[in-house]
PDB file of all heavy atoms in Angstrom:
ATOM      1  N   ALA A   1       0.844  -1.173   0.015  1.00  0.00           N
ATOM      2  CA  ALA A   1      -0.018   0.009  -0.006  1.00  0.00           C
ATOM      3  C   ALA A   1       0.894   1.220  -0.002  1.00  0.00           C
ATOM      4  O   ALA A   1       1.978   1.249   0.509  1.00  0.00           O
ATOM      5  CB  ALA A   1      -0.920   0.008   1.185  1.00  0.00           C
ATOM      6  N   ILE A   2       0.330   2.344  -0.500  1.00  0.00           N
ATOM      7  CA  ILE A   2       1.018   3.582  -0.562  1.00  0.00           C
ATOM      8  C   ILE A   2       0.014   4.714  -0.280  1.00  0.00           C
ATOM      9  O   ILE A   2      -1.041   4.721  -0.870  1.00  0.00           O
ATOM     10  CB  ILE A   2       1.776   3.830  -1.862  1.00  0.00           C
ATOM     11  CG1 ILE A   2       2.613   5.086  -1.850  1.00  0.00           C
ATOM     12  CG2 ILE A   2       0.851   3.793  -3.043  1.00  0.00           C
ATOM     13  CD1 ILE A   2       3.623   5.206  -2.944  1.00  0.00           C
ATOM     14  N   THR A   3       0.367   5.592   0.643  1.00  0.00           N
ATOM     15  CA  THR A   3      -0.533   6.662   1.019  1.00  0.00           C
ATOM     16  C   THR A   3      -0.384   7.842   0.014  1.00  0.00           C
ATOM     17  O   THR A   3       0.480   7.837  -0.839  1.00  0.00           O
ATOM     18  CB  THR A   3      -0.252   7.206   2.426  1.00  0.00           C
ATOM     19  OG1 THR A   3       1.006   7.858   2.462  1.00  0.00           O
ATOM     20  CG2 THR A   3      -0.206   6.041   3.406  1.00  0.00           C
ATOM     21  N   SER A   4      -1.245   8.831   0.169  1.00  0.00           N
ATOM     22  CA  SER A   4      -1.194  10.002  -0.607  1.00  0.00           C
ATOM     23  C   SER A   4       0.155  10.742  -0.432  1.00  0.00           C
ATOM     24  O   SER A   4       0.561  11.477  -1.336  1.00  0.00           O
ATOM     25  CB  SER A   4      -2.367  10.946  -0.378  1.00  0.00           C
ATOM     26  OG  SER A   4      -2.419  11.372   0.945  1.00  0.00           O
ATOM     27  N   GLY A   5       0.724  10.580   0.747  1.00  0.00           N
ATOM     28  CA  GLY A   5       2.018  11.219   1.016  1.00  0.00           C
ATOM     29  C   GLY A   5       3.219  10.404   0.617  1.00  0.00           C
ATOM     30  O   GLY A   5       4.331  10.849   0.806  1.00  0.00           O
ATOM     31  N   GLY A   6       2.991   9.157   0.103  1.00  0.00           N
ATOM     32  CA  GLY A   6       4.085   8.424  -0.373  1.00  0.00           C
ATOM     33  C   GLY A   6       4.630   7.310   0.642  1.00  0.00           C
ATOM     34  O   GLY A   6       5.560   6.643   0.333  1.00  0.00           O
ATOM     35  N   SER A   7       4.031   7.240   1.803  1.00  0.00           N
ATOM     36  CA  SER A   7       4.419   6.227   2.752  1.00  0.00           C
ATOM     37  C   SER A   7       3.946   4.900   2.287  1.00  0.00           C
ATOM     38  O   SER A   7       2.837   4.727   1.762  1.00  0.00           O
ATOM     39  CB  SER A   7       3.855   6.533   4.132  1.00  0.00           C
ATOM     40  OG  SER A   7       4.343   7.717   4.684  1.00  0.00           O
ATOM     41  N   THR A   8       4.783   3.877   2.453  1.00  0.00           N
ATOM     42  CA  THR A   8       4.460   2.555   1.970  1.00  0.00           C
ATOM     43  C   THR A   8       4.509   1.532   3.075  1.00  0.00           C
ATOM     44  O   THR A   8       5.144   1.691   4.076  1.00  0.00           O
ATOM     45  CB  THR A   8       5.473   2.128   0.850  1.00  0.00           C
ATOM     46  OG1 THR A   8       6.810   2.096   1.437  1.00  0.00           O
ATOM     47  CG2 THR A   8       5.463   3.123  -0.303  1.00  0.00           C
ATOM     48  N   ASN A   9       3.770   0.426   2.819  1.00  0.00           N
ATOM     49  CA  ASN A   9       3.891  -0.726   3.700  1.00  0.00           C
ATOM     50  C   ASN A   9       3.687  -1.969   2.842  1.00  0.00           C
ATOM     51  O   ASN A   9       3.000  -1.954   1.863  1.00  0.00           O
ATOM     52  CB  ASN A   9       2.922  -0.721   4.912  1.00  0.00           C
ATOM     53  CG  ASN A   9       1.493  -0.852   4.466  1.00  0.00           C
ATOM     54  OD1 ASN A   9       0.883  -0.017   3.825  1.00  0.00           O
ATOM     55  ND2 ASN A   9       0.936  -1.981   4.882  1.00  0.00           N
ATOM     56  N   TYR A  10       4.287  -3.106   3.293  1.00  0.00           N
ATOM     57  CA  TYR A  10       4.321  -4.300   2.583  1.00  0.00           C
ATOM     58  C   TYR A  10       3.981  -5.487   3.437  1.00  0.00           C
ATOM     59  O   TYR A  10       4.282  -5.478   4.621  1.00  0.00           O
ATOM     60  CB  TYR A  10       5.709  -4.544   1.942  1.00  0.00           C
ATOM     61  CG  TYR A  10       6.183  -3.461   0.997  1.00  0.00           C
ATOM     62  CD1 TYR A  10       6.964  -2.424   1.457  1.00  0.00           C
ATOM     63  CD2 TYR A  10       5.823  -3.461  -0.343  1.00  0.00           C
ATOM     64  CE1 TYR A  10       7.367  -1.381   0.565  1.00  0.00           C
ATOM     65  CE2 TYR A  10       6.241  -2.465  -1.187  1.00  0.00           C
ATOM     66  CZ  TYR A  10       7.045  -1.423  -0.719  1.00  0.00           C
ATOM     67  OH  TYR A  10       7.453  -0.391  -1.565  1.00  0.00           O
ATOM     68  N   ALA A  11       3.368  -6.505   2.847  1.00  0.00           N
ATOM     69  CA  ALA A  11       3.189  -7.734   3.542  1.00  0.00           C
ATOM     70  C   ALA A  11       4.558  -8.367   3.814  1.00  0.00           C
ATOM     71  O   ALA A  11       5.466  -8.246   2.963  1.00  0.00           O
ATOM     72  CB  ALA A  11       2.332  -8.657   2.679  1.00  0.00           C
ATOM     73  N   ASP A  12       4.686  -9.041   4.923  1.00  0.00           N
ATOM     74  CA  ASP A  12       5.912  -9.631   5.287  1.00  0.00           C
ATOM     75  C   ASP A  12       6.416 -10.654   4.271  1.00  0.00           C
ATOM     76  O   ASP A  12       7.600 -10.779   4.007  1.00  0.00           O
ATOM     77  CB  ASP A  12       5.789 -10.364   6.637  1.00  0.00           C
ATOM     78  CG  ASP A  12       5.718  -9.361   7.764  1.00  0.00           C
ATOM     79  OD1 ASP A  12       6.091  -8.217   7.612  1.00  0.00           O
ATOM     80  OD2 ASP A  12       5.283  -9.801   8.877  1.00  0.00           O
ATOM     81  N   SER A  13       5.480 -11.325   3.554  1.00  0.00           N
ATOM     82  CA  SER A  13       5.872 -12.341   2.657  1.00  0.00           C
ATOM     83  C   SER A  13       6.504 -11.793   1.381  1.00  0.00           C
ATOM     84  O   SER A  13       7.107 -12.566   0.618  1.00  0.00           O
ATOM     85  CB  SER A  13       4.639 -13.183   2.269  1.00  0.00           C
ATOM     86  OG  SER A  13       3.621 -12.370   1.655  1.00  0.00           O
ATOM     87  N   VAL A  14       6.337 -10.532   1.119  1.00  0.00           N
ATOM     88  CA  VAL A  14       6.830  -9.920  -0.137  1.00  0.00           C
ATOM     89  C   VAL A  14       7.702  -8.747   0.047  1.00  0.00           C
ATOM     90  O   VAL A  14       8.304  -8.262  -0.944  1.00  0.00           O
ATOM     91  CB  VAL A  14       5.695  -9.579  -1.071  1.00  0.00           C
ATOM     92  CG1 VAL A  14       4.798 -10.780  -1.346  1.00  0.00           C
ATOM     93  CG2 VAL A  14       4.864  -8.423  -0.465  1.00  0.00           C
ATOM     94  N   LYS A  15       7.936  -8.264   1.257  1.00  0.00           N
ATOM     95  CA  LYS A  15       8.556  -6.926   1.455  1.00  0.00           C
ATOM     96  C   LYS A  15       9.953  -6.876   0.963  1.00  0.00           C
ATOM     97  O   LYS A  15      10.473  -5.741   0.620  1.00  0.00           O
ATOM     98  CB  LYS A  15       8.456  -6.502   2.892  1.00  0.00           C
ATOM     99  CG  LYS A  15       9.141  -7.411   3.854  1.00  0.00           C
ATOM    100  CD  LYS A  15       8.985  -6.927   5.293  1.00  0.00           C
ATOM    101  CE  LYS A  15       9.658  -7.795   6.295  1.00  0.00           C
ATOM    102  NZ  LYS A  15       9.464  -7.341   7.660  1.00  0.00           N
ATOM    103  N   ASP A  16      10.658  -7.982   0.867  1.00  0.00           N
ATOM    104  CA  ASP A  16      12.056  -7.988   0.399  1.00  0.00           C
ATOM    105  C   ASP A  16      12.106  -8.025  -1.135  1.00  0.00           C
ATOM    106  O   ASP A  16      13.170  -7.877  -1.706  1.00  0.00           O
ATOM    107  CB  ASP A  16      12.799  -9.156   0.957  1.00  0.00           C
ATOM    108  CG  ASP A  16      13.024  -9.125   2.436  1.00  0.00           C
ATOM    109  OD1 ASP A  16      13.019  -7.964   2.992  1.00  0.00           O
ATOM    110  OD2 ASP A  16      13.181 -10.166   3.080  1.00  0.00           O
ATOM    111  N   ARG A  17      10.918  -8.231  -1.777  1.00  0.00           N
ATOM    112  CA  ARG A  17      10.937  -8.406  -3.249  1.00  0.00           C
ATOM    113  C   ARG A  17      10.052  -7.453  -3.974  1.00  0.00           C
ATOM    114  O   ARG A  17      10.015  -7.543  -5.209  1.00  0.00           O
ATOM    115  CB  ARG A  17      10.461  -9.831  -3.551  1.00  0.00           C
ATOM    116  CG  ARG A  17      11.305 -10.952  -2.878  1.00  0.00           C
ATOM    117  CD  ARG A  17      10.814 -12.342  -3.256  1.00  0.00           C
ATOM    118  NE  ARG A  17       9.575 -12.644  -2.636  1.00  0.00           N
ATOM    119  CZ  ARG A  17       8.438 -12.957  -3.300  1.00  0.00           C
ATOM    120  NH1 ARG A  17       8.430 -13.011  -4.586  1.00  0.00           N
ATOM    121  NH2 ARG A  17       7.337 -13.241  -2.622  1.00  0.00           N
ATOM    122  N   VAL A  18       9.332  -6.605  -3.279  1.00  0.00           N
ATOM    123  CA  VAL A  18       8.301  -5.801  -3.917  1.00  0.00           C
ATOM    124  C   VAL A  18       8.560  -4.294  -3.680  1.00  0.00           C
ATOM    125  O   VAL A  18       9.058  -3.880  -2.593  1.00  0.00           O
ATOM    126  CB  VAL A  18       6.914  -6.180  -3.260  1.00  0.00           C
ATOM    127  CG1 VAL A  18       5.941  -5.091  -3.580  1.00  0.00           C
ATOM    128  CG2 VAL A  18       6.498  -7.521  -3.830  1.00  0.00           C
ATOM    129  N   THR A  19       8.205  -3.512  -4.688  1.00  0.00           N
ATOM    130  CA  THR A  19       8.240  -2.071  -4.560  1.00  0.00           C
ATOM    131  C   THR A  19       6.939  -1.527  -5.112  1.00  0.00           C
ATOM    132  O   THR A  19       6.521  -1.870  -6.256  1.00  0.00           O
ATOM    133  CB  THR A  19       9.395  -1.438  -5.356  1.00  0.00           C
ATOM    134  OG1 THR A  19      10.624  -1.954  -4.827  1.00  0.00           O
ATOM    135  CG2 THR A  19       9.342   0.072  -5.216  1.00  0.00           C
ATOM    136  N   ILE A  20       6.201  -0.729  -4.326  1.00  0.00           N
ATOM    137  CA  ILE A  20       5.007  -0.078  -4.776  1.00  0.00           C
ATOM    138  C   ILE A  20       5.394   1.440  -4.976  1.00  0.00           C
ATOM    139  O   ILE A  20       6.121   2.037  -4.206  1.00  0.00           O
ATOM    140  CB  ILE A  20       3.815  -0.177  -3.840  1.00  0.00           C
ATOM    141  CG1 ILE A  20       2.549   0.378  -4.448  1.00  0.00           C
ATOM    142  CG2 ILE A  20       4.121   0.421  -2.487  1.00  0.00           C
ATOM    143  CD1 ILE A  20       1.280   0.046  -3.632  1.00  0.00           C
ATOM    144  N   SER A  21       4.853   1.998  -6.058  1.00  0.00           N
ATOM    145  CA  SER A  21       5.123   3.398  -6.323  1.00  0.00           C
ATOM    146  C   SER A  21       3.864   4.032  -7.020  1.00  0.00           C
ATOM    147  O   SER A  21       2.974   3.317  -7.474  1.00  0.00           O
ATOM    148  CB  SER A  21       6.364   3.569  -7.290  1.00  0.00           C
ATOM    149  OG  SER A  21       6.198   2.910  -8.459  1.00  0.00           O
ATOM    150  N   ARG A  22       3.877   5.381  -7.043  1.00  0.00           N
ATOM    151  CA  ARG A  22       2.766   6.006  -7.665  1.00  0.00           C
ATOM    152  C   ARG A  22       3.282   7.234  -8.480  1.00  0.00           C
ATOM    153  O   ARG A  22       4.247   7.781  -8.143  1.00  0.00           O
ATOM    154  CB  ARG A  22       1.732   6.447  -6.608  1.00  0.00           C
ATOM    155  CG  ARG A  22       2.170   7.549  -5.660  1.00  0.00           C
ATOM    156  CD  ARG A  22       1.171   7.720  -4.515  1.00  0.00           C
ATOM    157  NE  ARG A  22      -0.151   8.225  -5.004  1.00  0.00           N
ATOM    158  CZ  ARG A  22      -1.216   8.074  -4.338  1.00  0.00           C
ATOM    159  NH1 ARG A  22      -1.276   7.468  -3.172  1.00  0.00           N
ATOM    160  NH2 ARG A  22      -2.334   8.542  -4.830  1.00  0.00           N
ATOM    161  N   ASP A  23       2.489   7.611  -9.495  1.00  0.00           N
ATOM    162  CA  ASP A  23       2.755   8.719 -10.304  1.00  0.00           C
ATOM    163  C   ASP A  23       1.449   9.519 -10.350  1.00  0.00           C
ATOM    164  O   ASP A  23       0.551   9.175 -11.103  1.00  0.00           O
ATOM    165  CB  ASP A  23       3.213   8.318 -11.673  1.00  0.00           C
ATOM    166  CG  ASP A  23       3.650   9.496 -12.506  1.00  0.00           C
ATOM    167  OD1 ASP A  23       3.276  10.646 -12.248  1.00  0.00           O
ATOM    168  OD2 ASP A  23       4.357   9.277 -13.507  1.00  0.00           O
ATOM    169  N   ASN A  24       1.370  10.549  -9.535  1.00  0.00           N
ATOM    170  CA  ASN A  24       0.121  11.305  -9.496  1.00  0.00           C
ATOM    171  C   ASN A  24      -0.185  12.047 -10.742  1.00  0.00           C
ATOM    172  O   ASN A  24      -1.341  12.237 -11.049  1.00  0.00           O
ATOM    173  CB  ASN A  24       0.212  12.320  -8.276  1.00  0.00           C
ATOM    174  CG  ASN A  24       0.160  11.638  -6.911  1.00  0.00           C
ATOM    175  OD1 ASN A  24      -0.308  10.489  -6.829  1.00  0.00           O
ATOM    176  ND2 ASN A  24       0.595  12.346  -5.891  1.00  0.00           N
ATOM    177  N   ALA A  25       0.811  12.430 -11.468  1.00  0.00           N
ATOM    178  CA  ALA A  25       0.578  13.128 -12.732  1.00  0.00           C
ATOM    179  C   ALA A  25      -0.085  12.239 -13.736  1.00  0.00           C
ATOM    180  O   ALA A  25      -0.859  12.656 -14.618  1.00  0.00           O
ATOM    181  CB  ALA A  25       1.888  13.661 -13.334  1.00  0.00           C
ATOM    182  N   LYS A  26       0.160  10.923 -13.669  1.00  0.00           N
ATOM    183  CA  LYS A  26      -0.453   9.945 -14.525  1.00  0.00           C
ATOM    184  C   LYS A  26      -1.632   9.190 -13.864  1.00  0.00           C
ATOM    185  O   LYS A  26      -2.229   8.325 -14.547  1.00  0.00           O
ATOM    186  CB  LYS A  26       0.619   8.901 -14.974  1.00  0.00           C
ATOM    187  CG  LYS A  26       1.728   9.498 -15.789  1.00  0.00           C
ATOM    188  CD  LYS A  26       2.699   8.370 -16.203  1.00  0.00           C
ATOM    189  CE  LYS A  26       3.830   8.951 -17.091  1.00  0.00           C
ATOM    190  NZ  LYS A  26       4.773   7.897 -17.461  1.00  0.00           N
ATOM    191  N   SER A  27      -1.960   9.501 -12.640  1.00  0.00           N
ATOM    192  CA  SER A  27      -2.978   8.829 -11.895  1.00  0.00           C
ATOM    193  C   SER A  27      -2.812   7.363 -11.948  1.00  0.00           C
ATOM    194  O   SER A  27      -3.729   6.593 -12.232  1.00  0.00           O
ATOM    195  CB  SER A  27      -4.389   9.224 -12.479  1.00  0.00           C
ATOM    196  OG  SER A  27      -4.610  10.625 -12.272  1.00  0.00           O
ATOM    197  N   ALA A  28      -1.595   6.904 -11.593  1.00  0.00           N
ATOM    198  CA  ALA A  28      -1.226   5.507 -11.745  1.00  0.00           C
ATOM    199  C   ALA A  28      -0.482   5.034 -10.535  1.00  0.00           C
ATOM    200  O   ALA A  28       0.241   5.851  -9.897  1.00  0.00           O
ATOM    201  CB  ALA A  28      -0.443   5.245 -12.990  1.00  0.00           C
ATOM    202  N   VAL A  29      -0.616   3.743 -10.229  1.00  0.00           N
ATOM    203  CA  VAL A  29       0.157   3.122  -9.183  1.00  0.00           C
ATOM    204  C   VAL A  29       0.768   1.863  -9.780  1.00  0.00           C
ATOM    205  O   VAL A  29       0.182   1.183 -10.625  1.00  0.00           O
ATOM    206  CB  VAL A  29      -0.760   2.802  -7.996  1.00  0.00           C
ATOM    207  CG1 VAL A  29      -1.852   1.805  -8.320  1.00  0.00           C
ATOM    208  CG2 VAL A  29       0.106   2.298  -6.787  1.00  0.00           C
ATOM    209  N   TYR A  30       1.979   1.515  -9.354  1.00  0.00           N
ATOM    210  CA  TYR A  30       2.684   0.409  -9.880  1.00  0.00           C
ATOM    211  C   TYR A  30       3.124  -0.568  -8.782  1.00  0.00           C
ATOM    212  O   TYR A  30       3.312  -0.173  -7.645  1.00  0.00           O
ATOM    213  CB  TYR A  30       3.907   0.894 -10.622  1.00  0.00           C
ATOM    214  CG  TYR A  30       3.611   1.998 -11.630  1.00  0.00           C
ATOM    215  CD1 TYR A  30       3.767   3.314 -11.323  1.00  0.00           C
ATOM    216  CD2 TYR A  30       3.171   1.664 -12.926  1.00  0.00           C
ATOM    217  CE1 TYR A  30       3.491   4.314 -12.227  1.00  0.00           C
ATOM    218  CE2 TYR A  30       2.867   2.650 -13.825  1.00  0.00           C
ATOM    219  CZ  TYR A  30       3.046   3.978 -13.517  1.00  0.00           C
ATOM    220  OH  TYR A  30       2.744   4.995 -14.404  1.00  0.00           O
ATOM    221  N   LEU A  31       3.285  -1.777  -9.184  1.00  0.00           N
ATOM    222  CA  LEU A  31       3.819  -2.810  -8.287  1.00  0.00           C
ATOM    223  C   LEU A  31       4.904  -3.585  -9.055  1.00  0.00           C
ATOM    224  O   LEU A  31       4.612  -4.161 -10.062  1.00  0.00           O
ATOM    225  CB  LEU A  31       2.724  -3.778  -7.837  1.00  0.00           C
ATOM    226  CG  LEU A  31       3.195  -4.826  -6.806  1.00  0.00           C
ATOM    227  CD1 LEU A  31       3.425  -4.233  -5.454  1.00  0.00           C
ATOM    228  CD2 LEU A  31       2.140  -5.946  -6.722  1.00  0.00           C
ATOM    229  N   LEU A  32       6.100  -3.488  -8.544  1.00  0.00           N
ATOM    230  CA  LEU A  32       7.257  -4.242  -9.108  1.00  0.00           C
ATOM    231  C   LEU A  32       7.601  -5.329  -8.135  1.00  0.00           C
ATOM    232  O   LEU A  32       7.934  -5.067  -7.009  1.00  0.00           O
ATOM    233  CB  LEU A  32       8.398  -3.334  -9.363  1.00  0.00           C
ATOM    234  CG  LEU A  32       9.678  -3.971  -9.876  1.00  0.00           C
ATOM    235  CD1 LEU A  32       9.458  -4.709 -11.244  1.00  0.00           C
ATOM    236  CD2 LEU A  32      10.852  -3.001  -9.939  1.00  0.00           C
ATOM    237  N   MET A  33       7.577  -6.582  -8.604  1.00  0.00           N
ATOM    238  CA  MET A  33       7.920  -7.691  -7.778  1.00  0.00           C
ATOM    239  C   MET A  33       9.104  -8.477  -8.470  1.00  0.00           C
ATOM    240  O   MET A  33       8.943  -8.933  -9.588  1.00  0.00           O
ATOM    241  CB  MET A  33       6.760  -8.655  -7.549  1.00  0.00           C
ATOM    242  CG  MET A  33       7.092  -9.870  -6.683  1.00  0.00           C
ATOM    243  SD  MET A  33       5.703 -10.899  -6.298  1.00  0.00           S
ATOM    244  CE  MET A  33       4.894  -9.901  -5.038  1.00  0.00           C
ATOM    245  N   ASN A  34      10.175  -8.540  -7.747  1.00  0.00           N
ATOM    246  CA  ASN A  34      11.311  -9.326  -8.213  1.00  0.00           C
ATOM    247  C   ASN A  34      11.313 -10.703  -7.543  1.00  0.00           C
ATOM    248  O   ASN A  34      10.604 -10.957  -6.589  1.00  0.00           O
ATOM    249  CB  ASN A  34      12.592  -8.630  -7.868  1.00  0.00           C
ATOM    250  CG  ASN A  34      12.731  -7.243  -8.493  1.00  0.00           C
ATOM    251  OD1 ASN A  34      12.418  -7.085  -9.673  1.00  0.00           O
ATOM    252  ND2 ASN A  34      13.140  -6.240  -7.733  1.00  0.00           N
ATOM    253  N   SER A  35      12.130 -11.626  -8.127  1.00  0.00           N
ATOM    254  CA  SER A  35      12.323 -12.913  -7.555  1.00  0.00           C
ATOM    255  C   SER A  35      10.954 -13.633  -7.340  1.00  0.00           C
ATOM    256  O   SER A  35      10.665 -14.126  -6.265  1.00  0.00           O
ATOM    257  CB  SER A  35      13.083 -12.825  -6.219  1.00  0.00           C
ATOM    258  OG  SER A  35      14.371 -12.305  -6.440  1.00  0.00           O
ATOM    259  N   ARG A  36      10.206 -13.623  -8.379  1.00  0.00           N
ATOM    260  CA  ARG A  36       8.863 -14.196  -8.289  1.00  0.00           C
ATOM    261  C   ARG A  36       8.946 -15.699  -7.943  1.00  0.00           C
ATOM    262  O   ARG A  36       9.832 -16.419  -8.416  1.00  0.00           O
ATOM    263  CB  ARG A  36       8.128 -14.062  -9.618  1.00  0.00           C
ATOM    264  CG  ARG A  36       7.745 -12.621  -9.935  1.00  0.00           C
ATOM    265  CD  ARG A  36       6.428 -12.305  -9.320  1.00  0.00           C
ATOM    266  NE  ARG A  36       5.954 -10.961  -9.717  1.00  0.00           N
ATOM    267  CZ  ARG A  36       4.751 -10.501  -9.505  1.00  0.00           C
ATOM    268  NH1 ARG A  36       3.867 -11.233  -8.869  1.00  0.00           N
ATOM    269  NH2 ARG A  36       4.414  -9.313  -9.894  1.00  0.00           N
ATOM    270  N   LYS A  37       8.027 -16.076  -7.111  1.00  0.00           N
ATOM    271  CA  LYS A  37       7.933 -17.476  -6.635  1.00  0.00           C
ATOM    272  C   LYS A  37       6.588 -18.045  -7.060  1.00  0.00           C
ATOM    273  O   LYS A  37       5.660 -17.335  -7.278  1.00  0.00           O
ATOM    274  CB  LYS A  37       8.048 -17.564  -5.106  1.00  0.00           C
ATOM    275  CG  LYS A  37       9.381 -16.941  -4.598  1.00  0.00           C
ATOM    276  CD  LYS A  37       9.367 -16.987  -3.057  1.00  0.00           C
ATOM    277  CE  LYS A  37      10.585 -16.384  -2.520  1.00  0.00           C
ATOM    278  NZ  LYS A  37      10.656 -16.347  -1.032  1.00  0.00           N
ATOM    279  N   PRO A  38       6.541 -19.382  -7.197  1.00  0.00           N
ATOM    280  CA  PRO A  38       5.244 -19.996  -7.577  1.00  0.00           C
ATOM    281  C   PRO A  38       4.085 -19.596  -6.698  1.00  0.00           C
ATOM    282  O   PRO A  38       2.917 -19.453  -7.113  1.00  0.00           O
ATOM    283  CB  PRO A  38       5.547 -21.501  -7.538  1.00  0.00           C
ATOM    284  CG  PRO A  38       6.998 -21.622  -7.819  1.00  0.00           C
ATOM    285  CD  PRO A  38       7.609 -20.357  -7.152  1.00  0.00           C
ATOM    286  N   GLU A  39       4.372 -19.414  -5.399  1.00  0.00           N
ATOM    287  CA  GLU A  39       3.377 -19.014  -4.439  1.00  0.00           C
ATOM    288  C   GLU A  39       2.821 -17.608  -4.681  1.00  0.00           C
ATOM    289  O   GLU A  39       1.861 -17.149  -4.076  1.00  0.00           O
ATOM    290  CB  GLU A  39       3.807 -19.154  -3.003  1.00  0.00           C
ATOM    291  CG  GLU A  39       5.053 -18.451  -2.680  1.00  0.00           C
ATOM    292  CD  GLU A  39       6.276 -19.437  -2.769  1.00  0.00           C
ATOM    293  OE1 GLU A  39       6.340 -20.258  -3.674  1.00  0.00           O
ATOM    294  OE2 GLU A  39       7.166 -19.303  -1.864  1.00  0.00           O
ATOM    295  N   ASP A  40       3.517 -16.885  -5.510  1.00  0.00           N
ATOM    296  CA  ASP A  40       3.011 -15.487  -5.877  1.00  0.00           C
ATOM    297  C   ASP A  40       1.950 -15.551  -6.952  1.00  0.00           C
ATOM    298  O   ASP A  40       1.323 -14.526  -7.302  1.00  0.00           O
ATOM    299  CB  ASP A  40       4.140 -14.651  -6.445  1.00  0.00           C
ATOM    300  CG  ASP A  40       5.181 -14.317  -5.416  1.00  0.00           C
ATOM    301  OD1 ASP A  40       4.868 -14.108  -4.228  1.00  0.00           O
ATOM    302  OD2 ASP A  40       6.370 -14.254  -5.739  1.00  0.00           O
ATOM    303  N   THR A  41       1.652 -16.730  -7.500  1.00  0.00           N
ATOM    304  CA  THR A  41       0.615 -16.891  -8.446  1.00  0.00           C
ATOM    305  C   THR A  41      -0.757 -16.520  -7.854  1.00  0.00           C
ATOM    306  O   THR A  41      -1.115 -17.086  -6.778  1.00  0.00           O
ATOM    307  CB  THR A  41       0.502 -18.317  -8.961  1.00  0.00           C
ATOM    308  OG1 THR A  41       1.726 -18.644  -9.638  1.00  0.00           O
ATOM    309  CG2 THR A  41      -0.687 -18.558  -9.892  1.00  0.00           C
ATOM    310  N   ALA A  42      -1.461 -15.570  -8.472  1.00  0.00           N
ATOM    311  CA  ALA A  42      -2.700 -15.055  -7.905  1.00  0.00           C
ATOM    312  C   ALA A  42      -3.277 -14.069  -8.886  1.00  0.00           C
ATOM    313  O   ALA A  42      -2.614 -13.636  -9.815  1.00  0.00           O
ATOM    314  CB  ALA A  42      -2.495 -14.409  -6.563  1.00  0.00           C
ATOM    315  N   VAL A  43      -4.564 -13.718  -8.606  1.00  0.00           N
ATOM    316  CA  VAL A  43      -5.150 -12.514  -9.240  1.00  0.00           C
ATOM    317  C   VAL A  43      -4.760 -11.344  -8.436  1.00  0.00           C
ATOM    318  O   VAL A  43      -5.050 -11.323  -7.222  1.00  0.00           O
ATOM    319  CB  VAL A  43      -6.616 -12.655  -9.445  1.00  0.00           C
ATOM    320  CG1 VAL A  43      -7.187 -11.414 -10.064  1.00  0.00           C
ATOM    321  CG2 VAL A  43      -6.976 -13.881 -10.303  1.00  0.00           C
TER     322      VAL A  43
END
């Protein structure tokens, strides 16, 4: 999750592999996950 002020928090299971970011000018939020594991399979 990322707040309007840019503060972030992550689930323990992914925090070492994930980055969330936002671009307010584009009204967009992004999730980058490295070192994907089979257990990351999900919607």
